[in-house]
Structure formats: C-alpha cells, structure tokens
Protein backbone atom coordinates (compact mmCIF):
# COMPACT_ATOMS: atom_id res chain seq x y z
CA UNK A 1 31.91 -5.22 -44.62
CA UNK A 2 28.18 -5.44 -42.93
CA UNK A 3 28.34 -5.81 -39.23
CA UNK A 4 25.32 -5.71 -36.68
CA UNK A 5 26.78 -2.21 -35.73
CA UNK A 6 26.31 -0.40 -38.83
CA UNK A 7 22.63 -2.02 -39.33
CA UNK A 8 19.94 0.07 -38.73
CA UNK A 9 18.09 -0.50 -35.11
CA UNK A 10 14.87 -1.12 -36.91
CA UNK A 11 16.24 -4.18 -39.09
CA UNK A 12 17.51 -5.91 -36.03
CA UNK A 13 14.59 -5.11 -34.21
CA UNK A 14 12.63 -7.08 -37.28
CA UNK A 15 15.28 -9.60 -37.53
CA UNK A 16 14.80 -10.13 -33.86
CA UNK A 17 11.18 -10.44 -33.66
CA UNK A 18 11.54 -13.96 -35.51
CA UNK A 19 13.48 -15.42 -32.41
CA UNK A 20 11.62 -17.54 -29.92
CA UNK A 21 11.17 -15.59 -26.96
CA UNK A 22 13.21 -18.18 -24.52
CA UNK A 23 16.22 -17.51 -26.90
CA UNK A 24 16.09 -13.59 -26.53
CA UNK A 25 17.89 -13.02 -23.39
CA UNK A 26 20.79 -15.06 -24.47
CA UNK A 27 20.94 -13.22 -27.83
CA UNK A 28 21.01 -10.29 -25.96
CA UNK A 29 24.42 -9.91 -23.98
CA UNK A 30 25.91 -11.10 -28.07
CA UNK A 31 26.92 -7.43 -28.17
CA UNK A 32 25.39 -3.82 -27.60
CA UNK A 33 23.87 -3.71 -30.85
CA UNK A 34 21.79 -6.91 -30.04
CA UNK A 35 21.15 -5.84 -26.63
CA UNK A 36 19.58 -2.47 -28.33
CA UNK A 37 17.80 -4.44 -30.75
CA UNK A 38 16.58 -7.10 -28.45
CA UNK A 39 14.96 -4.99 -25.48
CA UNK A 40 11.76 -3.75 -26.93
CA UNK A 41 10.81 -7.30 -28.35
CA UNK A 42 11.93 -8.50 -25.00
CA UNK A 43 9.88 -6.50 -22.34
CA UNK A 44 6.65 -6.32 -24.53
CA UNK A 45 5.27 -9.10 -23.33
CA UNK A 46 6.30 -10.29 -19.82
CA UNK A 47 4.71 -13.79 -18.49
CA UNK A 48 5.44 -14.86 -14.69
CA UNK A 49 4.67 -18.70 -14.08
CA UNK A 50 5.27 -21.66 -11.69
CA UNK A 51 8.92 -21.93 -13.61
CA UNK A 52 9.79 -18.55 -12.81
CA UNK A 53 8.72 -17.85 -9.50
CA UNK A 54 9.94 -20.86 -8.01
CA UNK A 55 13.58 -19.14 -8.87
CA UNK A 56 11.86 -15.90 -7.31
CA UNK A 57 13.92 -14.40 -4.88
CA UNK A 58 17.28 -15.72 -6.18
CA UNK A 59 16.66 -14.74 -9.74
CA UNK A 60 15.27 -11.09 -10.09
CA UNK A 61 11.63 -10.87 -11.54
CA UNK A 62 11.28 -8.96 -14.81
CA UNK A 63 8.99 -6.50 -12.74
CA UNK A 64 12.49 -5.95 -10.45
CA UNK A 65 14.38 -5.37 -13.27
CA UNK A 66 11.74 -2.64 -14.90
CA UNK A 67 11.59 -1.49 -11.09
CA UNK A 68 15.30 -1.17 -11.05
CA UNK A 69 15.45 0.05 -14.38
CA UNK A 70 12.64 2.51 -15.34
CA UNK A 71 13.44 3.63 -19.21
CA UNK A 72 12.60 -0.33 -19.93
CA UNK A 73 9.04 0.02 -18.76
CA UNK A 74 8.25 1.68 -22.26
CA UNK A 75 8.71 -0.99 -24.20
CA UNK A 76 6.21 -3.14 -21.85
CA UNK A 77 2.89 -3.72 -23.75
CA UNK A 78 1.47 -7.18 -22.37
CA UNK A 79 1.63 -8.34 -18.70
CA UNK A 80 0.37 -12.24 -17.49
CA UNK A 81 0.76 -12.81 -13.85
CA UNK A 82 0.09 -16.87 -13.52
CA UNK A 83 2.00 -17.44 -10.73
CA UNK A 84 2.67 -14.94 -7.13
CA UNK A 85 5.88 -16.54 -4.97
CA UNK A 86 5.39 -17.04 -1.48
CA UNK A 87 7.28 -16.14 1.45
CA UNK A 88 9.69 -19.16 2.18
CA UNK A 89 9.21 -19.43 6.13
CA UNK A 90 5.09 -18.55 5.60
CA UNK A 91 3.82 -20.67 2.51
CA UNK A 92 0.29 -19.35 2.85
CA UNK A 93 1.73 -15.74 2.73
CA UNK A 94 2.49 -13.86 -0.95
CA UNK A 95 6.17 -12.27 -1.31
CA UNK A 96 5.85 -8.59 -0.71
CA UNK A 97 8.54 -7.80 -2.22
CA UNK A 98 7.57 -9.16 -5.50
CA UNK A 99 3.90 -7.72 -5.03
CA UNK A 100 5.60 -4.42 -4.87
CA UNK A 101 7.31 -4.89 -7.88
CA UNK A 102 4.59 -5.60 -9.88
CA UNK A 103 2.52 -2.88 -8.87
CA UNK A 104 5.17 -0.62 -9.52
CA UNK A 105 5.93 -2.11 -12.91
CA UNK A 106 2.49 -1.19 -13.48
CA UNK A 107 2.35 2.10 -12.66
CA UNK A 108 4.99 3.08 -14.77
CA UNK A 109 3.95 0.90 -18.03
CA UNK A 110 2.11 3.67 -19.64
CA UNK A 111 2.08 1.82 -23.06
CA UNK A 112 0.22 -1.07 -21.37
CA UNK A 113 -2.15 -3.27 -23.76
CA UNK A 114 -3.25 -6.37 -22.24
CA UNK A 115 -3.00 -7.16 -18.68
CA UNK A 116 -4.35 -10.78 -17.12
CA UNK A 117 -3.76 -12.16 -13.80
CA UNK A 118 -5.31 -15.07 -12.40
CA UNK A 119 -4.48 -14.81 -8.55
CA UNK A 120 -6.51 -13.16 -5.98
CA UNK A 121 -4.69 -9.95 -6.32
CA UNK A 122 -6.47 -7.61 -7.82
CA UNK A 123 -7.28 -4.97 -4.92
CA UNK A 124 -2.92 -4.29 -5.35
CA UNK A 125 -3.20 -3.11 -9.23
CA UNK A 126 -6.65 -1.16 -9.05
CA UNK A 127 -4.71 2.10 -8.59
CA UNK A 128 -2.03 1.60 -11.16
CA UNK A 129 -4.49 0.52 -13.73
CA UNK A 130 -6.51 3.99 -13.68
CA UNK A 131 -4.98 6.36 -16.68
CA UNK A 132 -3.78 3.41 -18.63
CA UNK A 133 -5.71 5.39 -21.47
CA UNK A 134 -4.32 2.18 -24.17
CA UNK A 135 -5.22 -0.72 -22.46
CA UNK A 136 -7.37 -2.97 -24.23
CA UNK A 137 -7.87 -6.00 -22.61
CA UNK A 138 -8.14 -7.21 -18.89
CA UNK A 139 -8.52 -10.64 -17.30
CA UNK A 140 -8.36 -10.54 -13.53
CA UNK A 141 -9.49 -12.79 -10.50
CA UNK A 142 -12.96 -10.72 -9.27
CA UNK A 143 -13.58 -11.49 -5.86
CA UNK A 144 -13.15 -8.27 -4.71
CA UNK A 145 -15.62 -5.50 -2.93
CA UNK A 146 -18.10 -2.85 -3.48
CA UNK A 147 -15.45 -0.50 -3.30
CA UNK A 148 -12.93 -2.05 -5.55
CA UNK A 149 -15.53 -3.05 -7.98
CA UNK A 150 -16.42 0.80 -8.06
CA UNK A 151 -12.49 1.32 -9.06
CA UNK A 152 -12.95 -1.24 -11.58
CA UNK A 153 -15.58 -0.06 -13.56
CA UNK A 154 -13.57 3.08 -13.99
CA UNK A 155 -11.41 1.45 -16.49
CA UNK A 156 -12.58 2.59 -19.88
CA UNK A 157 -12.24 1.64 -23.80
CA UNK A 158 -11.78 -2.36 -23.04
CA UNK A 159 -12.50 -4.00 -26.13
CA UNK A 160 -11.85 -7.65 -24.15
CA UNK A 161 -12.71 -8.33 -20.75
CA UNK A 162 -12.55 -11.68 -18.58
CA UNK A 163 -14.03 -12.07 -15.33
CA UNK A 164 -13.14 -15.44 -12.85
CA UNK A 165 -14.43 -16.11 -9.65
CA UNK A 166 -16.40 -12.92 -9.35
CA UNK A 167 -17.79 -11.98 -6.56
CA UNK A 168 -21.79 -10.43 -6.23
CA UNK A 169 -19.93 -7.06 -6.07
CA UNK A 170 -18.70 -7.65 -9.33
CA UNK A 171 -21.47 -9.23 -10.86
CA UNK A 172 -23.60 -6.57 -9.69
CA UNK A 173 -21.56 -3.60 -10.94
CA UNK A 174 -21.32 -4.93 -14.60
CA UNK A 175 -24.46 -3.40 -15.62
CA UNK A 176 -23.46 0.02 -14.42
CA UNK A 177 -19.60 -0.19 -16.01
CA UNK A 178 -21.27 -1.37 -19.44
CA UNK A 179 -22.07 2.54 -20.18
CA UNK A 180 -18.10 2.71 -20.54
CA UNK A 181 -17.55 0.03 -22.68
CA UNK A 182 -20.73 0.42 -24.75
CA UNK A 183 -18.53 1.50 -28.04
CA UNK A 184 -15.42 -0.35 -27.29
CA UNK A 185 -15.64 -4.06 -25.71
CA UNK A 186 -16.29 -6.74 -28.28
CA UNK A 187 -15.12 -9.53 -26.22
CA UNK A 188 -16.94 -10.56 -22.98
CA UNK A 189 -15.77 -13.67 -20.42
CA UNK A 190 -17.46 -14.41 -17.62
CA UNK A 191 -16.06 -17.63 -15.74
CA UNK A 192 -16.67 -19.55 -12.57
CA UNK A 193 -18.70 -17.29 -10.86
CA UNK A 194 -21.31 -18.33 -8.21
CA UNK A 195 -23.27 -15.26 -8.62
CA UNK A 196 -23.70 -14.16 -12.40
CA UNK A 197 -27.12 -14.83 -12.66
CA UNK A 198 -29.87 -13.94 -15.58
CA UNK A 199 -31.41 -10.70 -13.92
CA UNK A 200 -27.49 -9.27 -14.41
CA UNK A 201 -26.94 -10.22 -18.03
CA UNK A 202 -30.47 -9.12 -18.61
CA UNK A 203 -29.45 -5.68 -17.80
CA UNK A 204 -26.06 -5.59 -19.04
CA UNK A 205 -26.20 -7.26 -22.66
CA UNK A 206 -28.60 -5.25 -24.24
CA UNK A 207 -25.98 -2.40 -23.57
CA UNK A 208 -23.01 -4.06 -25.28
CA UNK A 209 -24.39 -3.79 -29.17
CA UNK A 210 -20.58 -4.50 -30.33
CA UNK A 211 -20.03 -7.93 -28.65
CA UNK A 212 -18.28 -10.30 -30.82
CA UNK A 213 -17.75 -12.84 -28.49
CA UNK A 214 -19.30 -13.84 -25.31
CA UNK A 215 -18.37 -16.63 -22.75
CA UNK A 216 -20.21 -17.90 -19.77
CA UNK A 217 -18.77 -20.85 -18.18
CA UNK A 218 -19.20 -22.73 -14.90
CA UNK A 219 -21.62 -20.30 -14.08
CA UNK A 220 -24.33 -22.14 -11.77
CA UNK A 221 -26.89 -19.84 -12.23
CA UNK A 222 -26.90 -19.33 -16.09
CA UNK A 223 -27.26 -22.63 -17.87
CA UNK A 224 -27.70 -22.66 -21.77
CA UNK A 225 -31.33 -22.01 -21.75
CA UNK A 226 -30.52 -18.57 -20.01
CA UNK A 227 -27.90 -17.81 -22.49
CA UNK A 228 -29.94 -18.87 -25.49
CA UNK A 229 -32.90 -16.93 -24.48
CA UNK A 230 -30.38 -13.46 -24.16
CA UNK A 231 -27.80 -14.12 -26.94
CA UNK A 232 -30.91 -12.19 -29.04
CA UNK A 233 -29.50 -9.00 -27.61
CA UNK A 234 -25.94 -9.43 -29.56
CA UNK A 235 -27.00 -10.38 -32.88
CA UNK A 236 -23.16 -10.03 -33.94
CA UNK A 237 -22.23 -12.74 -32.09
CA UNK A 238 -19.38 -14.58 -33.62
CA UNK A 239 -18.24 -17.17 -30.46
CA UNK A 240 -20.38 -18.32 -28.06
CA UNK A 241 -19.56 -20.67 -24.92
CA UNK A 242 -22.12 -21.54 -22.50
CA UNK A 243 -22.52 -24.50 -19.66
CA UNK A 244 -25.39 -26.93 -20.54
CA UNK A 245 -27.01 -28.60 -17.65
CA UNK A 246 -29.75 -31.00 -17.51
CA UNK A 247 -32.82 -29.16 -17.13
CA UNK A 248 -36.18 -30.50 -18.04
CA UNK A 249 -37.46 -27.23 -19.32
CA UNK A 250 -37.48 -26.63 -22.82
CA UNK A 251 -36.41 -23.53 -24.69
CA UNK A 252 -39.15 -20.71 -23.79
CA UNK A 253 -37.49 -18.46 -26.63
CA UNK A 254 -37.80 -18.17 -30.19
CA UNK A 255 -33.80 -19.26 -31.76
CA UNK A 256 -32.08 -16.55 -31.83
CA UNK A 257 -30.75 -15.30 -34.60
CA UNK A 258 -26.67 -15.88 -35.14
CA UNK A 259 -25.67 -15.88 -38.48
CA UNK A 260 -22.50 -14.64 -37.96
CA UNK A 261 -21.59 -17.60 -35.83
CA UNK A 262 -18.38 -19.20 -36.13
CA UNK A 263 -17.47 -20.70 -32.63
CA UNK A 264 -19.70 -22.87 -30.73
CA UNK A 265 -18.55 -24.05 -26.94
CA UNK A 266 -20.38 -26.03 -24.82
CA UNK A 267 -19.43 -27.20 -20.88
CA UNK A 268 -21.69 -30.21 -20.79
CA UNK A 269 -22.64 -30.50 -17.04
CA UNK A 270 -24.32 -33.56 -17.30
CA UNK A 271 -24.82 -36.99 -15.46
CA UNK A 272 -24.75 -38.60 -19.21
CA UNK A 273 -26.34 -41.60 -17.00
CA UNK A 274 -29.27 -42.37 -19.25
CA UNK A 275 -27.59 -41.91 -22.73
CA UNK A 276 -24.27 -41.02 -23.97
CA UNK A 277 -25.91 -37.65 -26.27
CA UNK A 278 -29.03 -36.05 -23.91
CA UNK A 279 -31.34 -35.10 -25.54
CA UNK A 280 -30.72 -31.39 -24.06
CA UNK A 281 -27.16 -31.50 -26.61
CA UNK A 282 -29.23 -32.26 -29.75
CA UNK A 283 -31.67 -29.61 -29.00
CA UNK A 284 -28.89 -26.59 -28.77
CA UNK A 285 -28.29 -27.84 -32.20
CA UNK A 286 -31.82 -27.81 -33.65
CA UNK A 287 -32.52 -24.40 -31.70
CA UNK A 288 -29.38 -22.70 -33.72
CA UNK A 289 -30.58 -24.28 -36.84
CA UNK A 290 -32.31 -21.84 -38.37
CA UNK A 291 -30.09 -19.32 -38.31
CA UNK A 292 -27.74 -21.10 -40.25
CA UNK A 293 -24.56 -20.23 -38.84
CA UNK A 294 -21.09 -20.68 -40.45
CA UNK A 295 -19.92 -22.81 -37.79
CA UNK A 296 -15.88 -23.22 -38.28
CA UNK A 297 -15.13 -23.87 -34.26
CA UNK A 298 -16.87 -26.44 -32.03
CA UNK A 299 -15.23 -27.55 -29.16
CA UNK A 300 -17.32 -29.45 -26.23
CA UNK A 301 -15.75 -30.88 -22.69
CA UNK A 302 -17.63 -33.70 -20.65
CA UNK A 303 -16.98 -33.93 -17.09
CA UNK A 304 -15.22 -37.58 -17.62
CA UNK A 305 -13.22 -38.65 -19.97
CA UNK A 306 -14.52 -42.43 -19.29
CA UNK A 307 -17.75 -41.03 -21.56
CA UNK A 308 -18.02 -41.52 -24.91
CA UNK A 309 -19.95 -39.09 -27.05
CA UNK A 310 -22.68 -40.80 -28.82
CA UNK A 311 -22.30 -41.00 -32.25
CA UNK A 312 -26.08 -39.48 -32.94
CA UNK A 313 -25.19 -36.45 -32.01
CA UNK A 314 -21.94 -36.10 -34.14
CA UNK A 315 -24.46 -37.18 -36.90
CA UNK A 316 -26.17 -34.43 -36.39
CA UNK A 317 -23.14 -31.72 -35.89
CA UNK A 318 -21.69 -33.18 -39.24
CA UNK A 319 -25.29 -32.92 -41.33
CA UNK A 320 -25.62 -29.44 -40.11
CA UNK A 321 -21.79 -27.73 -40.19
CA UNK A 322 -20.26 -30.63 -42.31
CA UNK A 323 -19.02 -27.81 -45.47
CA UNK A 324 -18.22 -25.28 -42.56
CA UNK A 325 -16.30 -26.63 -40.18
CA UNK A 326 -12.67 -26.18 -39.67
CA UNK A 327 -11.80 -27.63 -36.59
CA UNK A 328 -12.96 -29.94 -34.01
CA UNK A 329 -12.76 -30.35 -30.36
CA UNK A 330 -13.78 -32.68 -27.61
CA UNK A 331 -11.99 -32.07 -24.48
CA UNK A 332 -11.88 -34.83 -22.15
CA UNK A 333 -14.25 -36.94 -23.74
CA UNK A 334 -14.34 -39.92 -26.51
CA UNK A 335 -15.66 -40.59 -29.82
CA UNK A 336 -16.56 -43.82 -31.34
CA UNK A 337 -14.34 -44.61 -34.45
CA UNK A 338 -17.61 -44.26 -36.34
CA UNK A 339 -17.51 -40.82 -35.11
CA UNK A 340 -14.13 -40.08 -36.24
CA UNK A 341 -14.84 -41.46 -39.52
CA UNK A 342 -18.03 -39.27 -40.04
CA UNK A 343 -15.79 -36.47 -38.94
CA UNK A 344 -12.99 -37.39 -41.14
CA UNK A 345 -14.48 -38.40 -44.61
CA UNK A 346 -17.75 -35.73 -44.71
CA UNK A 347 -15.92 -32.65 -43.26
CA UNK A 348 -13.88 -31.22 -46.39
CA UNK A 349 -12.54 -28.38 -44.68
CA UNK A 350 -11.67 -29.89 -41.47
CA UNK A 351 -7.82 -28.93 -40.71
CA UNK A 352 -7.67 -29.19 -36.95
CA UNK A 353 -8.53 -32.23 -34.67
CA UNK A 354 -8.32 -32.65 -31.31
CA UNK A 355 -9.73 -35.93 -29.57
CA UNK A 356 -8.35 -38.46 -27.43
CA UNK A 357 -6.02 -40.71 -29.23
CA UNK A 358 -6.67 -44.27 -28.79
CA UNK A 359 -3.54 -45.83 -28.52
CA UNK A 360 -4.81 -49.38 -28.04
CA UNK A 361 -6.36 -48.88 -31.44
CA UNK A 362 -4.34 -46.98 -32.97
CA UNK A 363 -4.32 -48.40 -36.72
CA UNK A 364 -8.58 -48.51 -36.78
CA UNK A 365 -8.20 -44.95 -35.67
CA UNK A 366 -5.51 -44.26 -38.17
CA UNK A 367 -7.84 -45.28 -41.09
CA UNK A 368 -10.48 -43.38 -39.67
CA UNK A 369 -8.34 -39.83 -40.04
CA UNK A 370 -6.81 -40.73 -43.16
CA UNK A 371 -10.30 -40.34 -44.72
CA UNK A 372 -9.62 -36.63 -44.85
CA UNK A 373 -7.23 -34.99 -47.29
CA UNK A 374 -7.46 -31.84 -45.08
CA UNK A 375 -6.43 -32.30 -41.81
CA UNK A 376 -2.79 -30.67 -40.93
CA UNK A 377 -2.70 -30.85 -37.05
CA UNK A 378 -3.77 -33.26 -34.57
CA UNK A 379 -3.91 -32.51 -30.84
CA UNK A 380 -4.38 -35.18 -27.99
CA UNK A 381 -6.51 -33.89 -25.60
CA UNK A 382 -6.11 -37.27 -23.13
CA UNK A 383 -4.72 -35.58 -20.03
CA UNK A 384 -3.52 -38.29 -17.89
CA UNK A 385 -4.86 -36.77 -14.98
CA UNK A 386 -4.29 -40.13 -13.01
CA UNK A 387 -0.70 -41.14 -11.19
CA UNK A 388 -0.68 -44.60 -13.00
CA UNK A 389 1.40 -45.47 -15.75
CA UNK A 390 0.43 -44.80 -18.89
CA UNK A 391 0.89 -44.50 -22.93
CA UNK A 392 2.28 -42.33 -24.49
CA UNK A 393 2.45 -41.07 -28.15
CA UNK A 394 6.59 -41.91 -29.81
CA UNK A 395 8.25 -41.07 -32.78
CA UNK A 396 6.88 -44.41 -34.01
CA UNK A 397 2.83 -44.16 -33.51
CA UNK A 398 3.64 -40.47 -34.81
CA UNK A 399 5.42 -41.66 -37.93
CA UNK A 400 3.13 -43.87 -38.60
CA UNK A 401 0.00 -41.45 -38.29
CA UNK A 402 2.03 -39.05 -40.79
CA UNK A 403 2.65 -41.78 -43.63
CA UNK A 404 -1.13 -42.41 -43.56
CA UNK A 405 -3.03 -39.20 -43.67
CA UNK A 406 -1.89 -37.21 -46.06
CA UNK A 407 -2.14 -33.75 -45.15
CA UNK A 408 -0.76 -34.38 -41.40
CA UNK A 409 2.02 -32.64 -40.88
CA UNK A 410 1.74 -32.23 -36.68
CA UNK A 411 1.27 -33.26 -34.00
CA UNK A 412 0.38 -32.07 -30.32
CA UNK A 413 0.78 -34.77 -27.59
CA UNK A 414 2.38 -34.80 -23.79
CA UNK A 415 3.79 -31.57 -24.00
CA UNK A 416 5.50 -32.35 -27.15
CA UNK A 417 5.39 -30.75 -30.47
CA UNK A 418 5.67 -33.31 -33.49
CA UNK A 419 6.53 -31.72 -36.98
CA UNK A 420 6.28 -33.86 -40.22
CA UNK A 421 8.30 -32.75 -42.98
CA UNK A 422 9.13 -34.55 -46.39
CA UNK A 423 12.79 -34.13 -47.63
CA UNK A 424 13.56 -36.24 -50.93
CA UNK A 425 10.37 -38.30 -50.38
CA UNK A 426 11.46 -39.14 -47.23
CA UNK A 427 9.63 -38.39 -44.13
CA UNK A 428 11.49 -36.12 -41.26
CA UNK A 429 10.08 -36.13 -38.09
CA UNK A 430 11.28 -33.88 -34.86
CA UNK A 431 9.99 -32.70 -31.78
CA UNK A 432 9.84 -30.21 -29.50
CA UNK A 433 8.74 -29.55 -26.08
CA UNK A 434 5.88 -27.07 -25.36
CA UNK A 435 3.04 -26.70 -23.02
CA UNK A 436 -0.42 -29.17 -24.08
CA UNK A 437 -2.21 -25.90 -23.82
CA UNK A 438 -0.46 -22.45 -22.47
CA UNK A 439 -1.08 -22.29 -18.42
CA UNK A 440 -3.73 -20.10 -17.83
CA UNK A 441 -5.48 -20.28 -21.39
CA UNK A 442 -9.14 -20.69 -21.33
CA UNK A 443 -10.04 -24.23 -22.96
CA UNK A 444 -13.56 -23.13 -24.66
CA UNK A 445 -11.83 -20.26 -26.97
CA UNK A 446 -11.14 -20.63 -30.83
CA UNK A 447 -7.95 -22.48 -31.73
CA UNK A 448 -5.96 -20.68 -33.92
CA UNK A 449 -5.67 -21.98 -36.80
CA UNK A 450 -1.43 -23.05 -37.86
C-alpha cells in the first residue's frame, strides 16, 4: 500500500508545488511526511502585506518563525515586504520587534534571490544584504543618505534593480554603481524620483550594455524626449516604459534603433484639453517606426478615467503593430467603441485586452470584442475609485460575454477571476477571489500571457 510516509521526499515536494500557496499551512499539519514535503515551498516565498500586518503581534510573522527556527532560513528565496505593522499606542512608529525579525531573517537567509521592500526602512537591511552573493533582484524605497547609498552600491551581481522614490544621493550613486552591475544587470526601473535627471542617465546607460528592460516612470526631470534620445545606448532593449509630457520641443535626436522592442508602456501626463490624442503621442509612434520593432505588448495610462483616447491614435497603433500585438492595456482611460472594433478585428494575434468594460453598453462592447477569434482574457481596468455606488460585472454579464466571444475563457474584474469552460456543450462559469493586481506590482510592466 502506498502512503505519504513511504513516498520519496522529492516526490512529495513536486506534488505540493501544484497547491495554491494559501493551502500550504493547513496541508503541512496533516502528517509529518506532509510537513517535511511542504516546508521548502512554504518558506520559499515570503510576502508580508496588509492582511498579515493587521494580525500582528497576535499572529506571529513568518520572519518571527524563522528567527525561532533558524534552520528554515535555508529555504527562503524570495522576500517581499509590502506592509510594516505599527505600534498600537503610536501609529506613527513601526513595530520594533517586527523590524528586528525581518532584519534577522535577511541576515541568515543565505540563499536569498529576491528582496523587495517598498516601505522606507531600507537602511535596516543594508548590512544584512551584504554578502548575499545569490541575490539577483532588488526593489527598495531608495530615499537614503550618501553613506547609505554607498553601502547599497556594494551589492554586485543584480540582474533586476528597481528604485522607488530615490533621493538625490541614490540618483548620484547610480553611475558609480554601474561598473559592478555591468555584466549582470538586465532590468532597471526608476520610479517616482524627483532627482533622477538627464545627466545621471547619460553617465549610467552607456555602462549597462546588457540592459533589456528600462522603465523610467514618474520622474519629472526625465520626459519622453530625454528617454528616446538616451535609449540609443541600450539597443538590445525588449521592454521600455516612460512618462510622456506636454512639450513643445520636437525630438532632437535621430530615431533610436530598437528592433528588439517587444513591450512599450506610456504614462501620459497630459492635460488632454485641446485634443483627445495630443500630437506628442502620435510623434512617439512616428519616432519608433523606423526600427520596425516587433511590439507584442502595449500599455497606456492617462491621468483621468473620464478621458477617451482618440480613435486616430488607435488607428496609428493598429496600422504599425496589428500583426505583432498579443496584449493591449489601457489603464485609467477609455476607448471609443470604434477603437475596440479596430483592435479586435485587425489584430489577428491579440490574446489579452485590458480596458474599462462599459457595462451600460455591454451589448455593443460584446459585439466589438466578438470580432476577435483569438482573445482569451479580458481585464476590466475600471478601478471604481469613488465612494458612491457603481455597477459591477456579474455572472449574467460574464456568461453573455463568454457565450458571444469565441475563445474568451477568462475575465478579471472587481477582484474576481471568472473562468468559463464548456462541458458537454454547456458553458460552465466559475469564479475565484483575487487581487485585481498584486499589491506593490508596477502597472507598466509586461503582463504575463495565460
């Protein structure tokens, strides 16, 4: 008789690798064999968010468990701190015990591959992170001093680096850090920093020849004109994001040669008063056209959900990239119905479409999306940020969409993932709860295709 007790541990680990992460803890208490087989996966990825922090210190953190049982540290590969509990009697002060548990865990996690912390507590981790030779990915809040920046720049071997809210000290340090990262760094993200400027990038980018992903978003001293001039230093780029601003300046450099570019994100910081499609957006596509990039993914965000993207811009996008686009995302902006028809009818490889679903025009929207024979996933990007009542996509709406759009089998909306499957020629619709977008993730990065 085969039981869990006489199965090889490697077999158990492989079986448990298919379990949802939320089921791991309850499965681990079934038996000693299950416990031994599930522990490596249970502590491989540690993500600490708001739902965990609300229960602290009543419920121990995974960091506290590792401090109490240091042998577990060898399994830790990825740490993502999205929330830091505060003292109940003083909500302006982070909980010192929690911070101590985190730093001790990082200190002993010698196999750490990824460290992410978007809270302003990076100085606590600068010394524990030293010597982590396996560390490949780092995302941190980089509002730090000169001394702290120098410590950060001692980290070598990173392949992915993301700096949020970087101070002047962090920005100034980047060109000096680059020689350590020259042979390994492939993805660089600079997010919401008022100090990153053209001079820093001019010194930095020529030192990073292996870069395939560059994302500079929310940095007011670096606009699309600057980025499009400097990307000539990194011709291997496959993924590019930048902020487009209202500028009377024309492009003052030759078009960059980006014939490997597969993903483009544009954060449009425009008033959009004069025209729903300002000339600046069209000029960006014009500037890229000589490279003939095989663009598979396009993301655009506007500053106001009420703004509708002009149809002429969508026509230009489709004209240039109809035969390569696999996913298109419009975040916090809407499309004319004619634009939806253009995308769905003329893009033969489109699989994923993200945009606000107009529930009041659901019949017309379904007919428009139904022009596509390839779309499998629709994401409703209407965030419903107001406090008043609003319509939500229900099972009846989902069934109508899936019944009339040939390949559509997944709809993500209002923190629900709706799945459709035909059983004996009958459409079965189910859903599971999920975060619309993982907390702490960047909106402008390429979305994975299902």
